[in-house]
Amino acid sequence: MSMPVAVIPVAGVGTRLRPHTHTMPKALLHVAGKPMVAHILDELRDAGVRDFVLVIGYMGDRVRQTVSRLYPDLNLQFVEQPEQRGLGHAIYLTKDAVGGRDAIIVLGDTLFRVDFRQVFDKHVSRIGVKEVEDPRRFGVVDMQGTQVRRFVEKPEHPPSKLAIVGIYYIVDTPALYGTLDEMIASEKSTRGEYQLTDALQTMLERGVAMEIFPVEGWYDCGKPETLLETNRALLDLENRAPRTLEGSVVIPPVAVAPDAVVKDSVLGPYATVASGATIERSIIRNSIVSERAQVKGVVLDSSLIGEDAIVEGVPWNLNIGDSSEMHLG
């Protein structure tokens, strides 16, 4: 079985994660111990994929440098999308890099749990789906037996509860790129953007067979609160033995980079501390502390601390009598 090439669009700005994405591309934000895009690359690499095409745009040089440094063993190509014109346009730009091979397309802000080896075992185009309670909020597939009949975007009367999660295994890539060529030449866009699902729908209408495969985990990283939810879920799943931190208390699950410095603190549960960060005399739970940040003398809960940020608290020396009440902060 030959492995497909992985196509990962990571050109988005990530406006809902500002202020963090003012200085950091969304794909490099840390969650559960590593950059968001690293979770995707690791899943695909573990399944045997070695060839990757990343579509970069906003702060693309940082993505290129970081991914190249972390994955020197992979065959990496980077394609620039200078203007945000939709997912279909991003994929269209990868035509030469894919070169007619099978492709597995994974959205760069989609974290998941899926058995890719089983997906690749069957040489037919397949769409990743997950059953949801309220399919009206998502694009869904309309099925006819085992075959996808059509794609429906946020339907008022859903034909199924199978939401499209943003993972597409395409074995007829010449048909895909031919359809995208036609769409862009004829300027067939939706609200000014070229949609991948429009191209896939055209392929269905022309007789290209597509099936579905289940995605067990589907994690959103689009907003600060959902990024923290995903951090919790992934730390639970990975269930790693916590690093021993002399002089500090660790309440698992946590993820602490090997070169992070933690002194006289309590970490966890659900704390992620990135490379080069320093934590002193603090309590940190349900939070993500990014690279080289310094946190001293504070209690953090449900917090995101950016790269090179400094958070320092004011120490208190209190002498409180019986039946007293004091509110600090």
Protein backbone atom coordinates (compact mmCIF):
# COMPACT_ATOMS: atom_id res chain seq x y z
CA MET A 1 0.00 0.00 0.00
CA SER A 2 1.49 3.35 -1.06
CA MET A 3 1.05 6.22 1.35
CA PRO A 4 -0.77 9.40 0.30
CA VAL A 5 0.70 12.86 0.51
CA ALA A 6 -0.72 14.91 3.37
CA VAL A 7 -2.03 18.38 2.58
CA ILE A 8 -2.44 20.64 5.62
CA PRO A 9 -3.75 24.21 5.21
CA VAL A 10 -2.36 26.43 7.99
CA ALA A 11 -2.64 29.87 6.36
CA GLY A 12 -5.42 31.23 8.57
CA VAL A 13 -5.07 34.23 10.86
CA GLY A 14 -7.02 32.86 13.86
CA THR A 15 -8.81 36.09 14.74
CA ARG A 16 -10.85 34.50 17.55
CA LEU A 17 -7.62 33.65 19.40
CA ARG A 18 -6.31 37.20 19.56
CA PRO A 19 -4.25 38.64 21.19
CA HIS A 20 -2.18 35.44 20.96
CA THR A 21 -2.39 35.28 17.17
CA HIS A 22 -1.19 38.87 16.78
CA THR A 23 2.33 37.51 17.22
CA MET A 24 1.93 33.75 16.73
CA PRO A 25 0.33 31.78 13.88
CA LYS A 26 -2.59 29.75 15.16
CA ALA A 27 -1.01 26.46 14.04
CA LEU A 28 1.89 26.98 16.47
CA LEU A 29 -0.16 27.68 19.61
CA HIS A 30 0.60 25.07 22.26
CA VAL A 31 -1.95 22.53 23.41
CA ALA A 32 -1.24 19.42 25.51
CA GLY A 33 2.50 19.79 25.32
CA LYS A 34 3.19 20.70 21.69
CA PRO A 35 2.15 23.03 18.86
CA MET A 36 -1.30 22.43 17.42
CA VAL A 37 0.02 21.41 14.01
CA ALA A 38 2.44 18.94 15.63
CA HIS A 39 -0.50 16.82 16.84
CA ILE A 40 -1.65 16.48 13.22
CA LEU A 41 1.83 15.73 11.87
CA ASP A 42 2.43 13.12 14.57
CA GLU A 43 -0.86 11.30 13.87
CA LEU A 44 -0.10 11.09 10.15
CA ARG A 45 3.57 10.19 10.61
CA ASP A 46 2.59 7.37 12.98
CA ALA A 47 0.30 6.04 10.22
CA GLY A 48 3.22 5.92 7.78
CA VAL A 49 2.83 9.22 5.89
CA ARG A 50 6.17 10.81 5.01
CA ASP A 51 5.29 13.46 2.39
CA PHE A 52 3.64 16.67 3.59
CA VAL A 53 2.48 19.84 1.86
CA LEU A 54 1.63 22.73 4.18
CA VAL A 55 -0.26 25.73 2.84
CA ILE A 56 1.10 28.75 4.68
CA GLY A 57 0.12 32.40 4.71
CA TYR A 58 -0.11 34.52 7.86
CA MET A 59 3.34 34.43 9.54
CA GLY A 60 4.22 31.58 7.20
CA ASP A 61 7.96 31.85 7.78
CA ARG A 62 7.48 30.96 11.44
CA VAL A 63 5.46 27.90 10.49
CA ARG A 64 8.10 26.86 7.96
CA GLN A 65 10.97 27.29 10.43
CA THR A 66 9.26 25.55 13.34
CA VAL A 67 7.93 22.56 11.40
CA SER A 68 11.24 22.08 9.56
CA ARG A 69 13.10 22.11 12.88
CA LEU A 70 10.73 19.67 14.60
CA TYR A 71 10.43 17.22 11.68
CA PRO A 72 13.77 16.88 9.87
CA ASP A 73 12.85 13.26 9.02
CA LEU A 74 9.81 14.19 6.90
CA ASN A 75 9.60 15.34 3.28
CA LEU A 76 8.16 18.82 3.67
CA GLN A 77 6.94 21.26 1.04
CA PHE A 78 5.46 24.68 1.77
CA VAL A 79 3.04 26.44 -0.58
CA GLU A 80 2.13 30.07 0.07
CA GLN A 81 -1.44 31.35 -0.07
CA PRO A 82 -0.89 35.11 -0.21
CA GLU A 83 -4.60 35.95 -0.02
CA GLN A 84 -7.31 34.19 1.98
CA ARG A 85 -9.74 32.99 -0.70
CA GLY A 86 -11.18 29.88 0.92
CA LEU A 87 -10.21 26.27 1.56
CA GLY A 88 -10.83 25.28 -2.06
CA HIS A 89 -8.34 27.91 -3.21
CA ALA A 90 -5.77 26.73 -0.63
CA ILE A 91 -6.01 23.16 -1.94
CA TYR A 92 -5.93 24.37 -5.56
CA LEU A 93 -2.49 25.90 -4.91
CA THR A 94 -1.06 22.48 -3.97
CA LYS A 95 -1.73 20.88 -7.37
CA ASP A 96 1.90 20.74 -8.51
CA ALA A 97 3.18 19.65 -5.10
CA VAL A 98 0.71 16.74 -4.94
CA GLY A 99 1.45 15.74 -8.51
CA GLY A 100 -1.46 13.36 -9.07
CA ARG A 101 -0.82 11.22 -5.98
CA ASP A 102 -3.48 10.20 -3.46
CA ALA A 103 -3.94 12.93 -0.85
CA ILE A 104 -5.12 13.12 2.73
CA ILE A 105 -6.33 16.67 3.41
CA VAL A 106 -6.51 17.71 7.07
CA LEU A 107 -7.52 21.18 8.23
CA GLY A 108 -4.75 22.74 10.28
CA ASP A 109 -7.02 23.63 13.21
CA THR A 110 -8.65 20.19 13.43
CA LEU A 111 -7.32 17.91 16.17
CA PHE A 112 -8.67 14.38 16.12
CA ARG A 113 -8.33 10.72 16.93
CA VAL A 114 -8.66 8.44 13.90
CA ASP A 115 -7.08 5.19 12.67
CA PHE A 116 -5.53 6.40 9.42
CA ARG A 117 -4.15 2.96 8.55
CA GLN A 118 -7.71 1.69 8.18
CA VAL A 119 -8.64 4.75 6.14
CA PHE A 120 -5.79 4.14 3.70
CA ASP A 121 -6.44 0.38 3.45
CA LYS A 122 -9.44 0.96 1.22
CA HIS A 123 -8.50 2.69 -2.02
CA VAL A 124 -11.59 4.88 -2.41
CA SER A 125 -12.13 8.55 -1.62
CA ARG A 126 -13.49 8.90 1.90
CA ILE A 127 -14.71 11.75 4.07
CA GLY A 128 -14.16 11.89 7.85
CA VAL A 129 -17.40 12.30 9.81
CA LYS A 130 -18.61 12.31 13.40
CA GLU A 131 -22.16 11.90 14.63
CA VAL A 132 -23.37 15.04 16.43
CA GLU A 133 -26.47 15.95 18.39
CA ASP A 134 -27.31 19.12 16.45
CA PRO A 135 -26.19 18.74 12.82
CA ARG A 136 -27.77 22.07 11.86
CA ARG A 137 -24.56 23.75 13.07
CA PHE A 138 -22.34 21.83 10.65
CA GLY A 139 -21.87 20.68 7.11
CA VAL A 140 -23.25 17.12 6.89
CA VAL A 141 -23.23 14.21 4.45
CA ASP A 142 -26.38 12.81 2.87
CA MET A 143 -25.85 9.09 2.37
CA GLN A 144 -27.25 6.55 -0.07
CA GLY A 145 -26.23 3.18 1.32
CA THR A 146 -22.45 3.32 1.85
CA GLN A 147 -21.98 6.12 -0.67
CA VAL A 148 -22.03 9.86 -0.11
CA ARG A 149 -24.84 11.35 -2.20
CA ARG A 150 -24.34 15.02 -1.43
CA PHE A 151 -22.91 17.54 1.01
CA VAL A 152 -25.29 19.91 2.80
CA GLU A 153 -24.05 23.01 4.64
CA LYS A 154 -25.82 23.80 7.96
CA PRO A 155 -29.16 22.30 6.89
CA GLU A 156 -32.41 23.39 8.54
CA HIS A 157 -33.68 19.82 8.06
CA PRO A 158 -30.54 17.62 8.26
CA PRO A 159 -30.52 14.45 6.15
CA SER A 160 -28.19 12.84 8.72
CA LYS A 161 -26.33 13.55 11.95
CA LEU A 162 -22.95 12.91 10.32
CA ALA A 163 -20.94 16.13 10.51
CA ILE A 164 -17.99 16.76 8.19
CA VAL A 165 -14.97 17.23 10.45
CA GLY A 166 -12.35 18.50 7.98
CA ILE A 167 -10.46 15.33 6.98
CA TYR A 168 -10.66 14.20 3.34
CA TYR A 169 -8.95 11.19 1.73
CA ILE A 170 -8.94 11.73 -2.04
CA VAL A 171 -7.70 9.02 -4.39
CA ASP A 172 -8.75 10.77 -7.63
CA THR A 173 -6.77 13.96 -7.16
CA PRO A 174 -6.70 14.77 -10.91
CA ALA A 175 -10.51 14.99 -10.76
CA LEU A 176 -10.32 17.19 -7.66
CA TYR A 177 -7.80 19.62 -9.12
CA GLY A 178 -9.61 19.66 -12.46
CA THR A 179 -12.81 20.68 -10.69
CA LEU A 180 -11.02 23.34 -8.66
CA ASP A 181 -9.46 24.68 -11.88
CA GLU A 182 -12.95 25.05 -13.37
CA MET A 183 -14.35 26.73 -10.26
CA ILE A 184 -11.61 29.32 -10.09
CA ALA A 185 -11.60 29.98 -13.86
CA SER A 186 -15.37 30.57 -13.78
CA GLU A 187 -15.17 32.44 -10.44
CA LYS A 188 -17.70 30.08 -8.86
CA SER A 189 -17.39 31.16 -5.25
CA THR A 190 -19.56 31.28 -2.15
CA ARG A 191 -19.50 34.60 -0.28
CA GLY A 192 -16.28 35.47 -2.09
CA GLU A 193 -14.46 32.22 -1.21
CA TYR A 194 -13.82 29.00 -3.09
CA GLN A 195 -15.16 26.09 -1.05
CA LEU A 196 -13.68 22.59 -1.09
CA THR A 197 -17.09 21.03 -0.50
CA ASP A 198 -18.40 22.70 -3.68
CA ALA A 199 -15.68 20.94 -5.65
CA LEU A 200 -16.40 17.63 -3.92
CA GLN A 201 -20.11 18.00 -4.67
CA THR A 202 -19.33 18.51 -8.36
CA MET A 203 -17.18 15.37 -8.29
CA LEU A 204 -20.09 13.41 -6.80
CA GLU A 205 -22.41 14.67 -9.53
CA ARG A 206 -19.91 13.48 -12.11
CA GLY A 207 -19.87 9.96 -10.72
CA VAL A 208 -16.79 9.96 -8.47
CA ALA A 209 -17.43 7.50 -5.63
CA MET A 210 -16.98 8.68 -2.04
CA GLU A 211 -17.52 6.90 1.24
CA ILE A 212 -17.14 7.96 4.87
CA PHE A 213 -14.99 6.95 7.83
CA PRO A 214 -15.58 7.60 11.54
CA VAL A 215 -13.56 10.10 13.55
CA GLU A 216 -13.64 9.22 17.23
CA GLY A 217 -12.15 12.41 18.63
CA TRP A 218 -12.81 15.86 17.20
CA TYR A 219 -11.41 18.80 19.10
CA ASP A 220 -11.94 22.49 18.48
CA CYS A 221 -9.11 24.97 18.96
CA GLY A 222 -10.81 28.04 17.55
CA LYS A 223 -11.39 30.07 20.75
CA PRO A 224 -9.55 30.40 24.09
CA GLU A 225 -12.20 28.42 26.00
CA THR A 226 -12.29 25.58 23.44
CA LEU A 227 -8.49 25.52 23.24
CA LEU A 228 -8.43 24.89 27.00
CA GLU A 229 -11.13 22.23 26.63
CA THR A 230 -9.00 20.50 24.00
CA ASN A 231 -5.94 20.77 26.23
CA ARG A 232 -7.86 18.95 28.98
CA ALA A 233 -9.20 16.26 26.65
CA LEU A 234 -5.83 15.49 25.07
CA LEU A 235 -4.00 15.40 28.40
CA ASP A 236 -6.60 12.90 29.64
CA LEU A 237 -6.15 10.75 26.54
CA GLU A 238 -2.36 10.74 26.58
CA ASN A 239 -2.25 9.86 30.29
CA ARG A 240 1.49 10.43 30.49
CA ALA A 241 3.43 9.91 33.71
CA PRO A 242 4.06 13.38 35.12
CA ARG A 243 7.60 14.68 35.19
CA THR A 244 9.07 14.77 38.70
CA LEU A 245 9.62 18.35 39.84
CA GLU A 246 11.70 18.59 42.97
CA GLY A 247 10.21 21.00 45.48
CA SER A 248 6.90 21.23 43.63
CA VAL A 249 3.64 19.31 43.59
CA VAL A 250 2.29 17.85 40.33
CA ILE A 251 -1.37 16.89 40.04
CA PRO A 252 -1.77 14.95 36.78
CA PRO A 253 -2.50 15.15 33.98
CA VAL A 254 0.04 17.79 33.00
CA ALA A 255 2.54 18.37 30.20
CA VAL A 256 5.82 20.04 31.16
CA ALA A 257 8.62 20.59 28.63
CA PRO A 258 11.96 19.02 29.64
CA ASP A 259 13.69 22.40 29.76
CA ALA A 260 10.95 24.27 31.61
CA VAL A 261 11.91 25.43 35.11
CA VAL A 262 9.38 24.86 37.90
CA LYS A 263 10.20 25.85 41.50
CA ASP A 264 8.11 25.76 44.67
CA SER A 265 4.85 25.51 42.76
CA VAL A 266 1.74 23.39 42.30
CA LEU A 267 0.97 22.30 38.74
CA GLY A 268 -2.25 20.71 37.60
CA PRO A 269 -4.51 19.28 36.90
CA TYR A 270 -4.53 20.15 33.18
CA ALA A 271 -1.50 22.44 33.07
CA THR A 272 0.68 22.69 29.96
CA VAL A 273 4.07 24.38 30.34
CA ALA A 274 6.07 24.90 27.15
CA SER A 275 9.79 24.95 26.42
CA GLY A 276 11.88 27.56 28.20
CA ALA A 277 9.09 28.67 30.53
CA THR A 278 9.78 29.47 34.19
CA ILE A 279 7.26 28.88 36.99
CA GLU A 280 8.04 29.99 40.54
CA ARG A 281 5.92 30.07 43.73
CA SER A 282 2.72 29.68 41.73
CA ILE A 283 -0.36 27.49 41.43
CA ILE A 284 -1.33 26.71 37.84
CA ARG A 285 -4.27 24.59 36.77
CA ASN A 286 -6.34 24.29 33.60
CA SER A 287 -3.94 26.66 31.83
CA ILE A 288 -1.38 26.83 29.03
CA VAL A 289 1.93 28.64 29.57
CA SER A 290 3.74 29.25 26.29
CA GLU A 291 7.43 29.22 25.43
CA ARG A 292 9.82 31.31 27.54
CA ALA A 293 7.00 32.84 29.60
CA GLN A 294 7.74 33.69 33.24
CA VAL A 295 5.08 33.17 35.91
CA LYS A 296 5.95 34.07 39.50
CA GLY A 297 3.87 34.35 42.64
CA VAL A 298 0.40 33.95 41.14
CA VAL A 299 -2.56 31.56 40.98
CA LEU A 300 -3.70 30.82 37.42
CA ASP A 301 -6.87 29.00 36.41
CA SER A 302 -8.39 28.82 32.90
CA SER A 303 -5.60 31.02 31.55
CA LEU A 304 -3.53 31.34 28.38
CA ILE A 305 -0.08 32.91 28.81
CA GLY A 306 1.69 33.87 25.58
CA GLU A 307 5.30 33.56 24.47
CA ASP A 308 7.85 35.62 26.45
CA ALA A 309 5.07 37.02 28.66
CA ILE A 310 5.89 37.94 32.27
CA VAL A 311 3.24 37.46 34.95
CA GLU A 312 4.28 38.39 38.49
CA GLY A 313 2.13 38.57 41.58
CA VAL A 314 2.56 40.63 44.72
CA PRO A 315 3.52 38.61 47.81
CA TRP A 316 1.34 39.10 50.87
CA ASN A 317 2.34 38.85 54.52
CA LEU A 318 -0.86 38.59 56.55
CA ASN A 319 -1.64 38.35 60.26
CA ILE A 320 -5.39 37.59 60.38
CA GLY A 321 -7.34 37.21 63.60
CA ASP A 322 -10.23 34.84 64.35
CA SER A 323 -13.54 35.38 62.53
CA SER A 324 -11.89 37.78 60.10
CA GLU A 325 -12.78 38.08 56.41
CA MET A 326 -10.47 39.51 53.74
CA HIS A 327 -10.80 39.54 49.93
CA LEU A 328 -7.55 39.96 47.97
CA GLY A 329 -7.68 40.85 44.25
